[in-house]
Amino acid sequence: MSVHRLHRKIERTPEDQAAPRAERERFPAERPSLDDLIASGEWDGPFPQDLYLAHVRSTVALKRERERLGWTLDEVARRAGLDQALLGRLERGKWVEPTLLVLSRYADALGMRIEMAPVKTGS
């Protein structure tokens, strides 16, 4: 089985690093409110809680299965063709918007699958 890594470390020049650094420094100084961020177009609003909870449940189930199998993150990363650090961030909840491809490759490496279903809302 050949391993194809989806994520690699991005090499950035000092100029490329300047914009994110400026953003990180700006927020503590200006302390914009959520309404200010939404009005400026810099933020779309909070991540929907139901999607976040579905993500957390999925990630917890995947991590439990990995641990039940006695596999390390490195072993699952090799089997899934994903970066070990990426999976670590996912399991620790440091990455809240993984793609379905990443989740499905992680699940497939463990002999599981990710299921989705549309649900009618109350409105």
PDB file of N, CA and C in Angstrom:
ATOM      1  N   MET A   1       0.845  -1.170   0.000  1.00  0.00           N
ATOM      2  CA  MET A   1       0.000   0.000   0.000  1.00  0.00           C
ATOM      3  C   MET A   1       0.893   1.236   0.000  1.00  0.00           C
ATOM      4  N   SER A   2       0.669   2.119  -0.936  1.00  0.00           N
ATOM      5  CA  SER A   2       1.481   3.334  -0.968  1.00  0.00           C
ATOM      6  C   SER A   2       0.809   4.409  -0.113  1.00  0.00           C
ATOM      7  N   VAL A   3       1.618   5.178   0.566  1.00  0.00           N
ATOM      8  CA  VAL A   3       1.116   6.216   1.448  1.00  0.00           C
ATOM      9  C   VAL A   3       1.202   7.546   0.720  1.00  0.00           C
ATOM     10  N   HIS A   4       0.091   8.235   0.668  1.00  0.00           N
ATOM     11  CA  HIS A   4       0.054   9.567   0.056  1.00  0.00           C
ATOM     12  C   HIS A   4      -0.361  10.551   1.129  1.00  0.00           C
ATOM     13  N   ARG A   5       0.548  11.385   1.547  1.00  0.00           N
ATOM     14  CA  ARG A   5       0.255  12.363   2.592  1.00  0.00           C
ATOM     15  C   ARG A   5      -0.548  13.517   2.008  1.00  0.00           C
ATOM     16  N   LEU A   6      -1.607  13.872   2.702  1.00  0.00           N
ATOM     17  CA  LEU A   6      -2.451  14.975   2.255  1.00  0.00           C
ATOM     18  C   LEU A   6      -1.946  16.322   2.742  1.00  0.00           C
ATOM     19  N   HIS A   7      -1.292  16.298   3.880  1.00  0.00           N
ATOM     20  CA  HIS A   7      -0.883  17.557   4.487  1.00  0.00           C
ATOM     21  C   HIS A   7       0.622  17.560   4.716  1.00  0.00           C
ATOM     22  N   ARG A   8       1.212  18.635   4.331  1.00  0.00           N
ATOM     23  CA  ARG A   8       2.650  18.802   4.524  1.00  0.00           C
ATOM     24  C   ARG A   8       2.895  20.145   5.191  1.00  0.00           C
ATOM     25  N   LYS A   9       4.030  20.246   5.831  1.00  0.00           N
ATOM     26  CA  LYS A   9       4.404  21.523   6.428  1.00  0.00           C
ATOM     27  C   LYS A   9       4.546  22.552   5.315  1.00  0.00           C
ATOM     28  N   ILE A  10       3.944  23.692   5.530  1.00  0.00           N
ATOM     29  CA  ILE A  10       3.998  24.755   4.532  1.00  0.00           C
ATOM     30  C   ILE A  10       5.208  25.630   4.833  1.00  0.00           C
ATOM     31  N   GLU A  11       6.072  25.741   3.868  1.00  0.00           N
ATOM     32  CA  GLU A  11       7.241  26.615   4.006  1.00  0.00           C
ATOM     33  C   GLU A  11       6.816  28.024   3.616  1.00  0.00           C
ATOM     34  N   ARG A  12       6.938  28.960   4.552  1.00  0.00           N
ATOM     35  CA  ARG A  12       6.522  30.334   4.287  1.00  0.00           C
ATOM     36  C   ARG A  12       7.711  31.278   4.421  1.00  0.00           C
ATOM     37  N   THR A  13       7.725  32.255   3.554  1.00  0.00           N
ATOM     38  CA  THR A  13       8.750  33.294   3.627  1.00  0.00           C
ATOM     39  C   THR A  13       8.397  34.234   4.775  1.00  0.00           C
ATOM     40  N   PRO A  14       9.346  35.043   5.226  1.00  0.00           N
ATOM     41  CA  PRO A  14       9.017  36.032   6.272  1.00  0.00           C
ATOM     42  C   PRO A  14       7.867  36.949   5.862  1.00  0.00           C
ATOM     43  N   GLU A  15       7.771  37.275   4.586  1.00  0.00           N
ATOM     44  CA  GLU A  15       6.675  38.126   4.119  1.00  0.00           C
ATOM     45  C   GLU A  15       5.335  37.400   4.250  1.00  0.00           C
ATOM     46  N   ASP A  16       5.330  36.091   3.938  1.00  0.00           N
ATOM     47  CA  ASP A  16       4.106  35.300   4.054  1.00  0.00           C
ATOM     48  C   ASP A  16       3.676  35.160   5.518  1.00  0.00           C
ATOM     49  N   GLN A  17       4.625  35.160   6.416  1.00  0.00           N
ATOM     50  CA  GLN A  17       4.326  35.002   7.838  1.00  0.00           C
ATOM     51  C   GLN A  17       3.850  36.305   8.478  1.00  0.00           C
ATOM     52  N   ALA A  18       4.102  37.426   7.822  1.00  0.00           N
ATOM     53  CA  ALA A  18       3.785  38.728   8.414  1.00  0.00           C
ATOM     54  C   ALA A  18       2.287  38.951   8.602  1.00  0.00           C
ATOM     55  N   ALA A  19       1.458  38.592   7.619  1.00  0.00           N
ATOM     56  CA  ALA A  19       0.014  38.854   7.720  1.00  0.00           C
ATOM     57  C   ALA A  19      -0.627  38.097   8.880  1.00  0.00           C
ATOM     58  N   PRO A  20      -0.432  36.780   9.013  1.00  0.00           N
ATOM     59  CA  PRO A  20      -1.029  36.096  10.176  1.00  0.00           C
ATOM     60  C   PRO A  20      -0.498  36.627  11.503  1.00  0.00           C
ATOM     61  N   ARG A  21       0.770  36.983  11.545  1.00  0.00           N
ATOM     62  CA  ARG A  21       1.345  37.527  12.770  1.00  0.00           C
ATOM     63  C   ARG A  21       0.667  38.848  13.125  1.00  0.00           C
ATOM     64  N   ALA A  22       0.440  39.688  12.110  1.00  0.00           N
ATOM     65  CA  ALA A  22      -0.226  40.977  12.349  1.00  0.00           C
ATOM     66  C   ALA A  22      -1.642  40.761  12.884  1.00  0.00           C
ATOM     67  N   GLU A  23      -2.341  39.755  12.349  1.00  0.00           N
ATOM     68  CA  GLU A  23      -3.691  39.440  12.837  1.00  0.00           C
ATOM     69  C   GLU A  23      -3.657  39.008  14.292  1.00  0.00           C
ATOM     70  N   ARG A  24      -2.713  38.135  14.635  1.00  0.00           N
ATOM     71  CA  ARG A  24      -2.605  37.664  16.022  1.00  0.00           C
ATOM     72  C   ARG A  24      -2.302  38.809  16.980  1.00  0.00           C
ATOM     73  N   GLU A  25      -1.522  39.778  16.524  1.00  0.00           N
ATOM     74  CA  GLU A  25      -1.182  40.921  17.374  1.00  0.00           C
ATOM     75  C   GLU A  25      -2.318  41.939  17.436  1.00  0.00           C
ATOM     76  N   ARG A  26      -3.113  42.014  16.377  1.00  0.00           N
ATOM     77  CA  ARG A  26      -4.190  42.994  16.308  1.00  0.00           C
ATOM     78  C   ARG A  26      -5.317  42.698  17.295  1.00  0.00           C
ATOM     79  N   PHE A  27      -5.707  41.439  17.386  1.00  0.00           N
ATOM     80  CA  PHE A  27      -6.881  41.106  18.186  1.00  0.00           C
ATOM     81  C   PHE A  27      -6.736  41.429  19.665  1.00  0.00           C
ATOM     82  N   PRO A  28      -5.630  41.084  20.321  1.00  0.00           N
ATOM     83  CA  PRO A  28      -5.528  41.467  21.735  1.00  0.00           C
ATOM     84  C   PRO A  28      -5.525  42.983  21.932  1.00  0.00           C
ATOM     85  N   ALA A  29      -4.994  43.711  20.966  1.00  0.00           N
ATOM     86  CA  ALA A  29      -4.923  45.169  21.101  1.00  0.00           C
ATOM     87  C   ALA A  29      -6.289  45.817  20.873  1.00  0.00           C
ATOM     88  N   GLU A  30      -6.996  45.401  19.818  1.00  0.00           N
ATOM     89  CA  GLU A  30      -8.268  46.025  19.466  1.00  0.00           C
ATOM     90  C   GLU A  30      -9.464  45.406  20.181  1.00  0.00           C
ATOM     91  N   ARG A  31      -9.394  44.120  20.482  1.00  0.00           N
ATOM     92  CA  ARG A  31     -10.465  43.380  21.146  1.00  0.00           C
ATOM     93  C   ARG A  31     -11.821  43.599  20.471  1.00  0.00           C
ATOM     94  N   PRO A  32     -11.927  43.288  19.163  1.00  0.00           N
ATOM     95  CA  PRO A  32     -13.215  43.485  18.490  1.00  0.00           C
ATOM     96  C   PRO A  32     -14.265  42.516  19.039  1.00  0.00           C
ATOM     97  N   SER A  33     -15.517  42.970  19.076  1.00  0.00           N
ATOM     98  CA  SER A  33     -16.607  42.101  19.535  1.00  0.00           C
ATOM     99  C   SER A  33     -16.990  41.146  18.401  1.00  0.00           C
ATOM    100  N   LEU A  34     -17.781  40.141  18.727  1.00  0.00           N
ATOM    101  CA  LEU A  34     -18.247  39.212  17.698  1.00  0.00           C
ATOM    102  C   LEU A  34     -19.071  39.950  16.646  1.00  0.00           C
ATOM    103  N   ASP A  35     -19.908  40.876  17.090  1.00  0.00           N
ATOM    104  CA  ASP A  35     -20.710  41.655  16.151  1.00  0.00           C
ATOM    105  C   ASP A  35     -19.826  42.480  15.217  1.00  0.00           C
ATOM    106  N   ASP A  36     -18.737  43.041  15.749  1.00  0.00           N
ATOM    107  CA  ASP A  36     -17.801  43.810  14.918  1.00  0.00           C
ATOM    108  C   ASP A  36     -17.173  42.921  13.845  1.00  0.00           C
ATOM    109  N   LEU A  37     -16.772  41.711  14.242  1.00  0.00           N
ATOM    110  CA  LEU A  37     -16.137  40.793  13.289  1.00  0.00           C
ATOM    111  C   LEU A  37     -17.106  40.369  12.193  1.00  0.00           C
ATOM    112  N   ILE A  38     -18.333  40.065  12.578  1.00  0.00           N
ATOM    113  CA  ILE A  38     -19.334  39.656  11.586  1.00  0.00           C
ATOM    114  C   ILE A  38     -19.635  40.815  10.650  1.00  0.00           C
ATOM    115  N   ALA A  39     -19.815  42.019  11.197  1.00  0.00           N
ATOM    116  CA  ALA A  39     -20.113  43.195  10.377  1.00  0.00           C
ATOM    117  C   ALA A  39     -18.983  43.510   9.403  1.00  0.00           C
ATOM    118  N   SER A  40     -17.738  43.247   9.813  1.00  0.00           N
ATOM    119  CA  SER A  40     -16.601  43.551   8.944  1.00  0.00           C
ATOM    120  C   SER A  40     -16.424  42.518   7.834  1.00  0.00           C
ATOM    121  N   GLY A  41     -17.104  41.377   7.964  1.00  0.00           N
ATOM    122  CA  GLY A  41     -16.944  40.312   6.970  1.00  0.00           C
ATOM    123  C   GLY A  41     -15.748  39.421   7.243  1.00  0.00           C
ATOM    124  N   GLU A  42     -15.056  39.632   8.354  1.00  0.00           N
ATOM    125  CA  GLU A  42     -13.884  38.825   8.687  1.00  0.00           C
ATOM    126  C   GLU A  42     -14.257  37.485   9.307  1.00  0.00           C
ATOM    127  N   TRP A  43     -15.510  37.338   9.709  1.00  0.00           N
ATOM    128  CA  TRP A  43     -15.945  36.122  10.392  1.00  0.00           C
ATOM    129  C   TRP A  43     -17.387  35.854  10.028  1.00  0.00           C
ATOM    130  N   ASP A  44     -17.718  34.614   9.781  1.00  0.00           N
ATOM    131  CA  ASP A  44     -19.076  34.242   9.376  1.00  0.00           C
ATOM    132  C   ASP A  44     -19.999  33.951  10.554  1.00  0.00           C
ATOM    133  N   GLY A  45     -19.473  33.949  11.739  1.00  0.00           N
ATOM    134  CA  GLY A  45     -20.277  33.604  12.902  1.00  0.00           C
ATOM    135  C   GLY A  45     -19.756  32.322  13.521  1.00  0.00           C
ATOM    136  N   PRO A  46     -20.344  31.917  14.633  1.00  0.00           N
ATOM    137  CA  PRO A  46     -19.846  30.739  15.340  1.00  0.00           C
ATOM    138  C   PRO A  46     -20.085  29.454  14.564  1.00  0.00           C
ATOM    139  N   PHE A  47     -19.244  28.471  14.835  1.00  0.00           N
ATOM    140  CA  PHE A  47     -19.391  27.139  14.250  1.00  0.00           C
ATOM    141  C   PHE A  47     -20.652  26.529  14.849  1.00  0.00           C
ATOM    142  N   PRO A  48     -21.581  26.009  14.038  1.00  0.00           N
ATOM    143  CA  PRO A  48     -22.831  25.463  14.587  1.00  0.00           C
ATOM    144  C   PRO A  48     -22.564  24.355  15.612  1.00  0.00           C
ATOM    145  N   GLN A  49     -23.193  24.464  16.758  1.00  0.00           N
ATOM    146  CA  GLN A  49     -22.927  23.543  17.855  1.00  0.00           C
ATOM    147  C   GLN A  49     -23.250  22.096  17.493  1.00  0.00           C
ATOM    148  N   ASP A  50     -24.332  21.868  16.747  1.00  0.00           N
ATOM    149  CA  ASP A  50     -24.670  20.490  16.403  1.00  0.00           C
ATOM    150  C   ASP A  50     -23.585  19.853  15.532  1.00  0.00           C
ATOM    151  N   LEU A  51     -22.993  20.634  14.630  1.00  0.00           N
ATOM    152  CA  LEU A  51     -21.906  20.101  13.808  1.00  0.00           C
ATOM    153  C   LEU A  51     -20.663  19.842  14.647  1.00  0.00           C
ATOM    154  N   TYR A  52     -20.392  20.749  15.580  1.00  0.00           N
ATOM    155  CA  TYR A  52     -19.239  20.572  16.457  1.00  0.00           C
ATOM    156  C   TYR A  52     -19.407  19.310  17.307  1.00  0.00           C
ATOM    157  N   LEU A  53     -20.588  19.119  17.878  1.00  0.00           N
ATOM    158  CA  LEU A  53     -20.818  17.932  18.707  1.00  0.00           C
ATOM    159  C   LEU A  53     -20.742  16.645  17.891  1.00  0.00           C
ATOM    160  N   ALA A  54     -21.235  16.668  16.658  1.00  0.00           N
ATOM    161  CA  ALA A  54     -21.125  15.482  15.790  1.00  0.00           C
ATOM    162  C   ALA A  54     -19.654  15.186  15.505  1.00  0.00           C
ATOM    163  N   HIS A  55     -18.883  16.229  15.282  1.00  0.00           N
ATOM    164  CA  HIS A  55     -17.448  16.062  15.048  1.00  0.00           C
ATOM    165  C   HIS A  55     -16.769  15.470  16.284  1.00  0.00           C
ATOM    166  N   VAL A  56     -17.097  15.995  17.454  1.00  0.00           N
ATOM    167  CA  VAL A  56     -16.484  15.501  18.693  1.00  0.00           C
ATOM    168  C   VAL A  56     -16.845  14.037  18.909  1.00  0.00           C
ATOM    169  N   ARG A  57     -18.112  13.686  18.726  1.00  0.00           N
ATOM    170  CA  ARG A  57     -18.528  12.280  18.901  1.00  0.00           C
ATOM    171  C   ARG A  57     -17.785  11.364  17.929  1.00  0.00           C
ATOM    172  N   SER A  58     -17.659  11.788  16.686  1.00  0.00           N
ATOM    173  CA  SER A  58     -16.950  10.984  15.693  1.00  0.00           C
ATOM    174  C   SER A  58     -15.486  10.811  16.059  1.00  0.00           C
ATOM    175  N   THR A  59     -14.860  11.908  16.443  1.00  0.00           N
ATOM    176  CA  THR A  59     -13.442  11.861  16.789  1.00  0.00           C
ATOM    177  C   THR A  59     -13.193  10.988  18.011  1.00  0.00           C
ATOM    178  N   VAL A  60     -14.059  11.098  19.016  1.00  0.00           N
ATOM    179  CA  VAL A  60     -13.922  10.273  20.216  1.00  0.00           C
ATOM    180  C   VAL A  60     -14.072   8.797  19.860  1.00  0.00           C
ATOM    181  N   ALA A  61     -15.047   8.470  19.011  1.00  0.00           N
ATOM    182  CA  ALA A  61     -15.248   7.074  18.608  1.00  0.00           C
ATOM    183  C   ALA A  61     -14.030   6.542  17.845  1.00  0.00           C
ATOM    184  N   LEU A  62     -13.458   7.360  16.970  1.00  0.00           N
ATOM    185  CA  LEU A  62     -12.277   6.930  16.220  1.00  0.00           C
ATOM    186  C   LEU A  62     -11.083   6.724  17.152  1.00  0.00           C
ATOM    187  N   LYS A  63     -10.892   7.649  18.077  1.00  0.00           N
ATOM    188  CA  LYS A  63      -9.774   7.527  19.015  1.00  0.00           C
ATOM    189  C   LYS A  63      -9.942   6.284  19.897  1.00  0.00           C
ATOM    190  N   ARG A  64     -11.161   6.038  20.377  1.00  0.00           N
ATOM    191  CA  ARG A  64     -11.405   4.848  21.210  1.00  0.00           C
ATOM    192  C   ARG A  64     -11.090   3.568  20.442  1.00  0.00           C
ATOM    193  N   GLU A  65     -11.494   3.521  19.188  1.00  0.00           N
ATOM    194  CA  GLU A  65     -11.219   2.320  18.382  1.00  0.00           C
ATOM    195  C   GLU A  65      -9.720   2.159  18.164  1.00  0.00           C
ATOM    196  N   ARG A  66      -9.034   3.260  17.895  1.00  0.00           N
ATOM    197  CA  ARG A  66      -7.579   3.193  17.722  1.00  0.00           C
ATOM    198  C   ARG A  66      -6.927   2.647  18.982  1.00  0.00           C
ATOM    199  N   GLU A  67      -7.350   3.159  20.126  1.00  0.00           N
ATOM    200  CA  GLU A  67      -6.777   2.706  21.393  1.00  0.00           C
ATOM    201  C   GLU A  67      -7.157   1.252  21.685  1.00  0.00           C
ATOM    202  N   ARG A  68      -8.394   0.853  21.349  1.00  0.00           N
ATOM    203  CA  ARG A  68      -8.825  -0.525  21.555  1.00  0.00           C
ATOM    204  C   ARG A  68      -7.962  -1.487  20.745  1.00  0.00           C
ATOM    205  N   LEU A  69      -7.602  -1.052  19.537  1.00  0.00           N
ATOM    206  CA  LEU A  69      -6.747  -1.867  18.674  1.00  0.00           C
ATOM    207  C   LEU A  69      -5.287  -1.852  19.141  1.00  0.00           C
ATOM    208  N   GLY A  70      -4.957  -0.904  20.018  1.00  0.00           N
ATOM    209  CA  GLY A  70      -3.586  -0.792  20.505  1.00  0.00           C
ATOM    210  C   GLY A  70      -2.644  -0.156  19.499  1.00  0.00           C
ATOM    211  N   TRP A  71      -3.194   0.628  18.592  1.00  0.00           N
ATOM    212  CA  TRP A  71      -2.395   1.273  17.551  1.00  0.00           C
ATOM    213  C   TRP A  71      -1.961   2.660  17.990  1.00  0.00           C
ATOM    214  N   THR A  72      -0.782   3.044  17.547  1.00  0.00           N
ATOM    215  CA  THR A  72      -0.287   4.395  17.790  1.00  0.00           C
ATOM    216  C   THR A  72      -0.844   5.326  16.712  1.00  0.00           C
ATOM    217  N   LEU A  73      -0.742   6.621  16.971  1.00  0.00           N
ATOM    218  CA  LEU A  73      -1.138   7.593  15.949  1.00  0.00           C
ATOM    219  C   LEU A  73      -0.309   7.411  14.684  1.00  0.00           C
ATOM    220  N   ASP A  74       0.969   7.103  14.862  1.00  0.00           N
ATOM    221  CA  ASP A  74       1.848   6.925  13.715  1.00  0.00           C
ATOM    222  C   ASP A  74       1.368   5.765  12.844  1.00  0.00           C
ATOM    223  N   GLU A  75       0.959   4.678  13.470  1.00  0.00           N
ATOM    224  CA  GLU A  75       0.495   3.518  12.696  1.00  0.00           C
ATOM    225  C   GLU A  75      -0.776   3.848  11.918  1.00  0.00           C
ATOM    226  N   VAL A  76      -1.725   4.520  12.568  1.00  0.00           N
ATOM    227  CA  VAL A  76      -2.961   4.896  11.880  1.00  0.00           C
ATOM    228  C   VAL A  76      -2.667   5.898  10.768  1.00  0.00           C
ATOM    229  N   ALA A  77      -1.769   6.843  11.037  1.00  0.00           N
ATOM    230  CA  ALA A  77      -1.414   7.840  10.019  1.00  0.00           C
ATOM    231  C   ALA A  77      -0.837   7.159   8.781  1.00  0.00           C
ATOM    232  N   ARG A  78       0.040   6.177   8.984  1.00  0.00           N
ATOM    233  CA  ARG A  78       0.612   5.446   7.840  1.00  0.00           C
ATOM    234  C   ARG A  78      -0.477   4.704   7.076  1.00  0.00           C
ATOM    235  N   ARG A  79      -1.365   4.032   7.789  1.00  0.00           N
ATOM    236  CA  ARG A  79      -2.437   3.265   7.143  1.00  0.00           C
ATOM    237  C   ARG A  79      -3.405   4.174   6.386  1.00  0.00           C
ATOM    238  N   ALA A  80      -3.656   5.367   6.941  1.00  0.00           N
ATOM    239  CA  ALA A  80      -4.611   6.295   6.338  1.00  0.00           C
ATOM    240  C   ALA A  80      -3.969   7.202   5.297  1.00  0.00           C
ATOM    241  N   GLY A  81      -2.642   7.264   5.291  1.00  0.00           N
ATOM    242  CA  GLY A  81      -1.965   8.179   4.373  1.00  0.00           C
ATOM    243  C   GLY A  81      -2.122   9.623   4.813  1.00  0.00           C
ATOM    244  N   LEU A  82      -2.193   9.831   6.112  1.00  0.00           N
ATOM    245  CA  LEU A  82      -2.360  11.166   6.675  1.00  0.00           C
ATOM    246  C   LEU A  82      -1.174  11.502   7.560  1.00  0.00           C
ATOM    247  N   ASP A  83      -1.038  12.759   7.874  1.00  0.00           N
ATOM    248  CA  ASP A  83       0.039  13.224   8.717  1.00  0.00           C
ATOM    249  C   ASP A  83      -0.266  12.918  10.184  1.00  0.00           C
ATOM    250  N   GLN A  84       0.710  12.394  10.911  1.00  0.00           N
ATOM    251  CA  GLN A  84       0.515  12.046  12.315  1.00  0.00           C
ATOM    252  C   GLN A  84       0.135  13.271  13.147  1.00  0.00           C
ATOM    253  N   ALA A  85       0.776  14.389  12.911  1.00  0.00           N
ATOM    254  CA  ALA A  85       0.478  15.606  13.672  1.00  0.00           C
ATOM    255  C   ALA A  85      -0.960  16.059  13.423  1.00  0.00           C
ATOM    256  N   LEU A  86      -1.433  15.910  12.198  1.00  0.00           N
ATOM    257  CA  LEU A  86      -2.806  16.266  11.862  1.00  0.00           C
ATOM    258  C   LEU A  86      -3.772  15.420  12.679  1.00  0.00           C
ATOM    259  N   LEU A  87      -3.533  14.106  12.736  1.00  0.00           N
ATOM    260  CA  LEU A  87      -4.407  13.231  13.510  1.00  0.00           C
ATOM    261  C   LEU A  87      -4.333  13.554  15.002  1.00  0.00           C
ATOM    262  N   GLY A  88      -3.162  13.915  15.481  1.00  0.00           N
ATOM    263  CA  GLY A  88      -3.022  14.298  16.871  1.00  0.00           C
ATOM    264  C   GLY A  88      -3.849  15.536  17.199  1.00  0.00           C
ATOM    265  N   ARG A  89      -3.792  16.534  16.326  1.00  0.00           N
ATOM    266  CA  ARG A  89      -4.591  17.753  16.536  1.00  0.00           C
ATOM    267  C   ARG A  89      -6.083  17.421  16.496  1.00  0.00           C
ATOM    268  N   LEU A  90      -6.461  16.542  15.585  1.00  0.00           N
ATOM    269  CA  LEU A  90      -7.853  16.130  15.460  1.00  0.00           C
ATOM    270  C   LEU A  90      -8.324  15.459  16.748  1.00  0.00           C
ATOM    271  N   GLU A  91      -7.540  14.521  17.266  1.00  0.00           N
ATOM    272  CA  GLU A  91      -7.922  13.810  18.489  1.00  0.00           C
ATOM    273  C   GLU A  91      -7.947  14.711  19.715  1.00  0.00           C
ATOM    274  N   ARG A  92      -7.104  15.727  19.755  1.00  0.00           N
ATOM    275  CA  ARG A  92      -7.063  16.642  20.897  1.00  0.00           C
ATOM    276  C   ARG A  92      -8.089  17.770  20.787  1.00  0.00           C
ATOM    277  N   GLY A  93      -8.848  17.811  19.680  1.00  0.00           N
ATOM    278  CA  GLY A  93      -9.852  18.847  19.496  1.00  0.00           C
ATOM    279  C   GLY A  93      -9.278  20.177  19.069  1.00  0.00           C
ATOM    280  N   LYS A  94      -8.048  20.180  18.555  1.00  0.00           N
ATOM    281  CA  LYS A  94      -7.409  21.422  18.119  1.00  0.00           C
ATOM    282  C   LYS A  94      -7.740  21.747  16.667  1.00  0.00           C
ATOM    283  N   TRP A  95      -8.429  20.835  16.002  1.00  0.00           N
ATOM    284  CA  TRP A  95      -8.825  21.056  14.611  1.00  0.00           C
ATOM    285  C   TRP A  95     -10.304  20.745  14.527  1.00  0.00           C
ATOM    286  N   VAL A  96     -11.156  21.765  14.498  1.00  0.00           N
ATOM    287  CA  VAL A  96     -12.590  21.549  14.602  1.00  0.00           C
ATOM    288  C   VAL A  96     -13.317  21.449  13.269  1.00  0.00           C
ATOM    289  N   GLU A  97     -12.638  21.662  12.163  1.00  0.00           N
ATOM    290  CA  GLU A  97     -13.304  21.585  10.870  1.00  0.00           C
ATOM    291  C   GLU A  97     -12.554  20.661   9.910  1.00  0.00           C
ATOM    292  N   PRO A  98     -12.398  19.388  10.265  1.00  0.00           N
ATOM    293  CA  PRO A  98     -11.705  18.481   9.347  1.00  0.00           C
ATOM    294  C   PRO A  98     -12.581  18.200   8.129  1.00  0.00           C
ATOM    295  N   THR A  99     -11.956  17.868   7.027  1.00  0.00           N
ATOM    296  CA  THR A  99     -12.728  17.520   5.836  1.00  0.00           C
ATOM    297  C   THR A  99     -13.297  16.115   5.994  1.00  0.00           C
ATOM    298  N   LEU A 100     -14.341  15.837   5.239  1.00  0.00           N
ATOM    299  CA  LEU A 100     -14.906  14.488   5.260  1.00  0.00           C
ATOM    300  C   LEU A 100     -13.895  13.472   4.738  1.00  0.00           C
ATOM    301  N   LEU A 101     -13.057  13.889   3.812  1.00  0.00           N
ATOM    302  CA  LEU A 101     -12.037  12.983   3.287  1.00  0.00           C
ATOM    303  C   LEU A 101     -11.086  12.553   4.401  1.00  0.00           C
ATOM    304  N   VAL A 102     -10.643  13.486   5.226  1.00  0.00           N
ATOM    305  CA  VAL A 102      -9.731  13.155   6.324  1.00  0.00           C
ATOM    306  C   VAL A 102     -10.422  12.210   7.305  1.00  0.00           C
ATOM    307  N   LEU A 103     -11.648  12.549   7.721  1.00  0.00           N
ATOM    308  CA  LEU A 103     -12.365  11.687   8.656  1.00  0.00           C
ATOM    309  C   LEU A 103     -12.605  10.296   8.079  1.00  0.00           C
ATOM    310  N   SER A 104     -12.968  10.235   6.805  1.00  0.00           N
ATOM    311  CA  SER A 104     -13.250   8.929   6.210  1.00  0.00           C
ATOM    312  C   SER A 104     -11.978   8.101   6.044  1.00  0.00           C
ATOM    313  N   ARG A 105     -10.849   8.735   5.739  1.00  0.00           N
ATOM    314  CA  ARG A 105      -9.587   7.985   5.633  1.00  0.00           C
ATOM    315  C   ARG A 105      -9.141   7.475   6.992  1.00  0.00           C
ATOM    316  N   TYR A 106      -9.332   8.285   8.022  1.00  0.00           N
ATOM    317  CA  TYR A 106      -9.008   7.872   9.388  1.00  0.00           C
ATOM    318  C   TYR A 106      -9.893   6.677   9.770  1.00  0.00           C
ATOM    319  N   ALA A 107     -11.200   6.808   9.534  1.00  0.00           N
ATOM    320  CA  ALA A 107     -12.138   5.729   9.864  1.00  0.00           C
ATOM    321  C   ALA A 107     -11.817   4.464   9.069  1.00  0.00           C
ATOM    322  N   ASP A 108     -11.545   4.606   7.786  1.00  0.00           N
ATOM    323  CA  ASP A 108     -11.247   3.448   6.937  1.00  0.00           C
ATOM    324  C   ASP A 108     -10.008   2.709   7.430  1.00  0.00           C
ATOM    325  N   ALA A 109      -9.010   3.438   7.876  1.00  0.00           N
ATOM    326  CA  ALA A 109      -7.788   2.810   8.386  1.00  0.00           C
ATOM    327  C   ALA A 109      -8.087   1.944   9.608  1.00  0.00           C
ATOM    328  N   LEU A 110      -9.166   2.291  10.328  1.00  0.00           N
ATOM    329  CA  LEU A 110      -9.546   1.540  11.526  1.00  0.00           C
ATOM    330  C   LEU A 110     -10.618   0.496  11.242  1.00  0.00           C
ATOM    331  N   GLY A 111     -11.034   0.372   9.974  1.00  0.00           N
ATOM    332  CA  GLY A 111     -12.100  -0.562   9.630  1.00  0.00           C
ATOM    333  C   GLY A 111     -13.474  -0.028   9.995  1.00  0.00           C
ATOM    334  N   MET A 112     -13.599   1.287  10.013  1.00  0.00           N
ATOM    335  CA  MET A 112     -14.872   1.931  10.333  1.00  0.00           C
ATOM    336  C   MET A 112     -15.289   2.787   9.147  1.00  0.00           C
ATOM    337  N   ARG A 113     -16.436   3.463   9.270  1.00  0.00           N
ATOM    338  CA  ARG A 113     -16.861   4.410   8.245  1.00  0.00           C
ATOM    339  C   ARG A 113     -17.588   5.572   8.898  1.00  0.00           C
ATOM    340  N   ILE A 114     -17.593   6.682   8.221  1.00  0.00           N
ATOM    341  CA  ILE A 114     -18.294   7.888   8.665  1.00  0.00           C
ATOM    342  C   ILE A 114     -19.633   7.916   7.939  1.00  0.00           C
ATOM    343  N   GLU A 115     -20.713   8.130   8.678  1.00  0.00           N
ATOM    344  CA  GLU A 115     -22.035   8.227   8.076  1.00  0.00           C
ATOM    345  C   GLU A 115     -22.591   9.615   8.299  1.00  0.00           C
ATOM    346  N   MET A 116     -23.314  10.084   7.298  1.00  0.00           N
ATOM    347  CA  MET A 116     -23.978  11.374   7.393  1.00  0.00           C
ATOM    348  C   MET A 116     -25.426  11.189   6.945  1.00  0.00           C
ATOM    349  N   ALA A 117     -26.306  11.973   7.514  1.00  0.00           N
ATOM    350  CA  ALA A 117     -27.705  11.924   7.092  1.00  0.00           C
ATOM    351  C   ALA A 117     -28.320  13.302   7.291  1.00  0.00           C
ATOM    352  N   PRO A 118     -29.088  13.756   6.314  1.00  0.00           N
ATOM    353  CA  PRO A 118     -29.786  15.028   6.509  1.00  0.00           C
ATOM    354  C   PRO A 118     -30.912  14.850   7.524  1.00  0.00           C
ATOM    355  N   VAL A 119     -31.128  15.880   8.334  1.00  0.00           N
ATOM    356  CA  VAL A 119     -32.167  15.848   9.354  1.00  0.00           C
ATOM    357  C   VAL A 119     -32.993  17.108   9.214  1.00  0.00           C
ATOM    358  N   LYS A 120     -34.303  16.960   9.202  1.00  0.00           N
ATOM    359  CA  LYS A 120     -35.189  18.124   9.086  1.00  0.00           C
ATOM    360  C   LYS A 120     -35.127  18.926  10.369  1.00  0.00           C
ATOM    361  N   THR A 121     -34.985  20.240  10.219  1.00  0.00           N
ATOM    362  CA  THR A 121     -34.939  21.116  11.390  1.00  0.00           C
ATOM    363  C   THR A 121     -36.354  21.517  11.765  1.00  0.00           C
ATOM    364  N   GLY A 122     -36.483  22.141  12.908  1.00  0.00           N
ATOM    365  CA  GLY A 122     -37.797  22.542  13.422  1.00  0.00           C
ATOM    366  C   GLY A 122     -38.404  23.728  12.702  1.00  0.00           C
ATOM    367  N   SER A 123     -37.656  24.432  11.839  1.00  0.00           N
ATOM    368  CA  SER A 123     -38.208  25.636  11.191  1.00  0.00           C
ATOM    369  C   SER A 123     -38.888  25.346   9.889  1.00  0.00           C
TER     370      SER A 123
END
